[in-house]
Amino acid sequence: MFWQLMDDEFGAGYARSVATDQALSALGGQSADQALAAGHVPREVWQAVCEAMDVPPARRWGQETAPHARHGEAHR
C-alpha cells in the first residue's frame, strides 16, 4: 500500500527519488527508505512524506481509497 500511495501521488520514478532523497523531520531526518528499513510503520512514513511534501489532505488516501469512498457510502 505504501508504494502504491507513493506512485499515485508522485509517479513511479519520482516516488523512488522522494523515498531516497527527502529527509523527513518527523522521522528524525531519515528518508522514507531509511525509516522503512529501520522498522517504522509504513503508515507513519507515508504521513511524514505527506507532511514534508505538502500533500493536500484530500489526496492522502490515494486515488482509489478516498475517505468518502471508504466511510459513509455504506451508510447511505
N, C-alpha and C. Protein backbone atom coordinates (compact mmCIF):
# COMPACT_ATOMS: atom_id res chain seq x y z
N MET A 1 0.82 -1.19 0.00
CA MET A 1 0.00 0.00 0.00
C MET A 1 0.87 1.26 0.00
N PHE A 2 1.96 1.27 0.79
CA PHE A 2 2.83 2.44 0.85
C PHE A 2 3.30 2.84 -0.54
N TRP A 3 3.83 1.88 -1.29
CA TRP A 3 4.38 2.21 -2.61
C TRP A 3 3.29 2.59 -3.59
N GLN A 4 2.12 2.03 -3.44
CA GLN A 4 1.01 2.43 -4.32
C GLN A 4 0.64 3.88 -4.07
N LEU A 5 0.58 4.28 -2.80
CA LEU A 5 0.29 5.67 -2.46
C LEU A 5 1.38 6.60 -2.99
N MET A 6 2.63 6.19 -2.83
CA MET A 6 3.74 7.00 -3.34
C MET A 6 3.65 7.15 -4.85
N ASP A 7 3.43 6.05 -5.55
CA ASP A 7 3.35 6.08 -7.01
C ASP A 7 2.15 6.92 -7.48
N ASP A 8 1.02 6.77 -6.81
CA ASP A 8 -0.17 7.54 -7.18
C ASP A 8 0.07 9.04 -7.03
N GLU A 9 0.75 9.41 -5.97
CA GLU A 9 0.93 10.84 -5.70
C GLU A 9 2.05 11.46 -6.52
N PHE A 10 3.17 10.75 -6.65
CA PHE A 10 4.36 11.35 -7.23
C PHE A 10 4.76 10.79 -8.59
N GLY A 11 4.15 9.68 -9.00
CA GLY A 11 4.60 8.98 -10.20
C GLY A 11 5.70 8.01 -9.80
N ALA A 12 5.79 6.90 -10.52
CA ALA A 12 6.70 5.82 -10.11
C ALA A 12 8.16 6.27 -10.01
N GLY A 13 8.65 6.99 -10.98
CA GLY A 13 10.04 7.40 -10.96
C GLY A 13 10.36 8.40 -9.86
N TYR A 14 9.54 9.43 -9.75
CA TYR A 14 9.79 10.47 -8.76
C TYR A 14 9.55 9.94 -7.34
N ALA A 15 8.62 9.00 -7.18
CA ALA A 15 8.36 8.42 -5.86
C ALA A 15 9.62 7.79 -5.29
N ARG A 16 10.39 7.11 -6.13
CA ARG A 16 11.63 6.48 -5.66
C ARG A 16 12.65 7.53 -5.25
N SER A 17 12.68 8.63 -5.97
CA SER A 17 13.59 9.72 -5.63
C SER A 17 13.19 10.36 -4.30
N VAL A 18 11.91 10.60 -4.12
CA VAL A 18 11.42 11.18 -2.87
C VAL A 18 11.76 10.25 -1.71
N ALA A 19 11.54 8.96 -1.88
CA ALA A 19 11.79 7.99 -0.81
C ALA A 19 13.26 7.91 -0.44
N THR A 20 14.12 8.16 -1.39
CA THR A 20 15.56 8.08 -1.15
C THR A 20 16.14 9.39 -0.65
N ASP A 21 15.69 10.49 -1.22
CA ASP A 21 16.37 11.78 -1.03
C ASP A 21 15.73 12.74 -0.03
N GLN A 22 14.45 12.61 0.24
CA GLN A 22 13.76 13.57 1.10
C GLN A 22 13.99 13.23 2.58
N ALA A 23 14.63 14.15 3.31
CA ALA A 23 14.79 13.98 4.76
C ALA A 23 13.47 14.33 5.44
N LEU A 24 12.99 13.45 6.27
CA LEU A 24 11.70 13.61 6.93
C LEU A 24 11.92 14.01 8.39
N SER A 25 11.65 15.26 8.69
CA SER A 25 11.90 15.76 10.05
C SER A 25 11.07 15.00 11.08
N ALA A 26 9.87 14.59 10.70
CA ALA A 26 9.01 13.84 11.63
C ALA A 26 9.61 12.49 12.02
N LEU A 27 10.58 12.03 11.23
CA LEU A 27 11.23 10.74 11.49
C LEU A 27 12.72 10.93 11.77
N GLY A 28 13.05 12.03 12.39
CA GLY A 28 14.43 12.27 12.79
C GLY A 28 15.39 12.52 11.66
N GLY A 29 14.87 13.00 10.54
CA GLY A 29 15.73 13.31 9.40
C GLY A 29 16.02 12.13 8.49
N GLN A 30 15.43 10.99 8.78
CA GLN A 30 15.61 9.83 7.91
C GLN A 30 14.81 10.00 6.62
N SER A 31 15.25 9.33 5.58
CA SER A 31 14.46 9.25 4.36
C SER A 31 13.37 8.19 4.58
N ALA A 32 12.41 8.14 3.69
CA ALA A 32 11.38 7.10 3.77
C ALA A 32 12.02 5.72 3.68
N ASP A 33 12.96 5.54 2.76
CA ASP A 33 13.64 4.24 2.64
C ASP A 33 14.33 3.85 3.94
N GLN A 34 15.03 4.79 4.55
CA GLN A 34 15.73 4.51 5.80
C GLN A 34 14.74 4.19 6.92
N ALA A 35 13.66 4.95 6.98
CA ALA A 35 12.67 4.73 8.03
C ALA A 35 12.01 3.36 7.89
N LEU A 36 11.67 2.99 6.67
CA LEU A 36 11.06 1.67 6.45
C LEU A 36 12.04 0.56 6.82
N ALA A 37 13.29 0.72 6.42
CA ALA A 37 14.33 -0.28 6.73
C ALA A 37 14.56 -0.39 8.24
N ALA A 38 14.36 0.72 8.95
CA ALA A 38 14.55 0.73 10.39
C ALA A 38 13.34 0.18 11.15
N GLY A 39 12.28 -0.16 10.42
CA GLY A 39 11.12 -0.78 11.04
C GLY A 39 9.96 0.15 11.36
N HIS A 40 10.00 1.38 10.88
CA HIS A 40 8.86 2.27 11.09
C HIS A 40 7.64 1.73 10.36
N VAL A 41 6.49 1.96 10.92
CA VAL A 41 5.22 1.53 10.32
C VAL A 41 5.02 2.32 9.02
N PRO A 42 4.72 1.64 7.91
CA PRO A 42 4.56 2.34 6.64
C PRO A 42 3.57 3.50 6.69
N ARG A 43 2.49 3.38 7.45
CA ARG A 43 1.53 4.48 7.53
C ARG A 43 2.17 5.73 8.14
N GLU A 44 3.02 5.55 9.15
CA GLU A 44 3.72 6.68 9.76
C GLU A 44 4.68 7.32 8.75
N VAL A 45 5.34 6.49 7.98
CA VAL A 45 6.27 7.00 6.97
C VAL A 45 5.49 7.78 5.91
N TRP A 46 4.37 7.23 5.46
CA TRP A 46 3.54 7.91 4.47
C TRP A 46 3.07 9.27 5.00
N GLN A 47 2.62 9.31 6.24
CA GLN A 47 2.17 10.58 6.82
C GLN A 47 3.32 11.59 6.88
N ALA A 48 4.51 11.12 7.22
CA ALA A 48 5.68 12.01 7.27
C ALA A 48 6.02 12.53 5.88
N VAL A 49 5.91 11.68 4.86
CA VAL A 49 6.14 12.11 3.48
C VAL A 49 5.11 13.16 3.10
N CYS A 50 3.84 12.92 3.43
CA CYS A 50 2.77 13.87 3.10
C CYS A 50 3.04 15.23 3.73
N GLU A 51 3.45 15.23 4.98
CA GLU A 51 3.75 16.50 5.67
C GLU A 51 4.92 17.20 5.00
N ALA A 52 5.98 16.47 4.73
CA ALA A 52 7.19 17.07 4.16
C ALA A 52 6.97 17.59 2.75
N MET A 53 6.11 16.92 2.00
CA MET A 53 5.91 17.26 0.59
C MET A 53 4.62 18.06 0.37
N ASP A 54 3.97 18.48 1.45
CA ASP A 54 2.74 19.27 1.37
C ASP A 54 1.66 18.62 0.52
N VAL A 55 1.48 17.32 0.71
CA VAL A 55 0.39 16.62 0.02
C VAL A 55 -0.92 17.05 0.68
N PRO A 56 -1.86 17.58 -0.09
CA PRO A 56 -3.13 18.03 0.49
C PRO A 56 -3.87 16.87 1.18
N PRO A 57 -4.54 17.14 2.27
CA PRO A 57 -5.26 16.08 2.99
C PRO A 57 -6.19 15.26 2.11
N ALA A 58 -6.82 15.87 1.14
CA ALA A 58 -7.76 15.15 0.27
C ALA A 58 -7.07 14.08 -0.57
N ARG A 59 -5.76 14.18 -0.76
CA ARG A 59 -5.04 13.20 -1.58
C ARG A 59 -4.23 12.20 -0.75
N ARG A 60 -4.33 12.27 0.54
CA ARG A 60 -3.52 11.39 1.39
C ARG A 60 -4.05 9.98 1.48
N TRP A 61 -5.22 9.73 0.93
CA TRP A 61 -5.81 8.39 0.95
C TRP A 61 -5.56 7.63 -0.34
N GLY A 62 -4.93 8.26 -1.32
CA GLY A 62 -4.68 7.62 -2.60
C GLY A 62 -5.83 7.83 -3.55
N GLN A 63 -5.64 7.40 -4.78
CA GLN A 63 -6.63 7.64 -5.82
C GLN A 63 -7.87 6.78 -5.69
N GLU A 64 -7.72 5.56 -5.20
CA GLU A 64 -8.85 4.63 -5.16
C GLU A 64 -9.53 4.54 -3.80
N THR A 65 -8.92 5.12 -2.77
CA THR A 65 -9.46 4.93 -1.43
C THR A 65 -9.70 6.24 -0.71
N ALA A 66 -10.30 7.19 -1.37
CA ALA A 66 -10.62 8.47 -0.74
C ALA A 66 -11.53 8.23 0.47
N PRO A 67 -11.43 9.05 1.51
CA PRO A 67 -12.24 8.82 2.71
C PRO A 67 -13.73 8.68 2.44
N HIS A 68 -14.28 9.47 1.51
CA HIS A 68 -15.72 9.36 1.24
C HIS A 68 -16.07 8.02 0.62
N ALA A 69 -15.13 7.38 -0.05
CA ALA A 69 -15.39 6.06 -0.63
C ALA A 69 -15.26 4.97 0.42
N ARG A 70 -14.43 5.22 1.43
CA ARG A 70 -14.21 4.21 2.46
C ARG A 70 -15.22 4.31 3.58
N HIS A 71 -15.67 5.52 3.89
CA HIS A 71 -16.58 5.75 5.01
C HIS A 71 -17.83 6.44 4.49
N GLY A 72 -18.93 6.02 4.97
CA GLY A 72 -20.15 6.72 4.66
C GLY A 72 -20.93 6.15 3.50
N GLU A 73 -20.28 5.59 2.51
CA GLU A 73 -21.01 5.07 1.36
C GLU A 73 -21.97 3.95 1.77
N ALA A 74 -21.54 3.11 2.69
CA ALA A 74 -22.39 2.01 3.13
C ALA A 74 -23.56 2.50 3.98
N HIS A 75 -23.45 3.71 4.50
CA HIS A 75 -24.49 4.25 5.38
C HIS A 75 -25.56 5.01 4.61
N ARG A 76 -25.39 5.12 3.32
CA ARG A 76 -26.39 5.89 2.54
C ARG A 76 -27.49 5.02 2.04
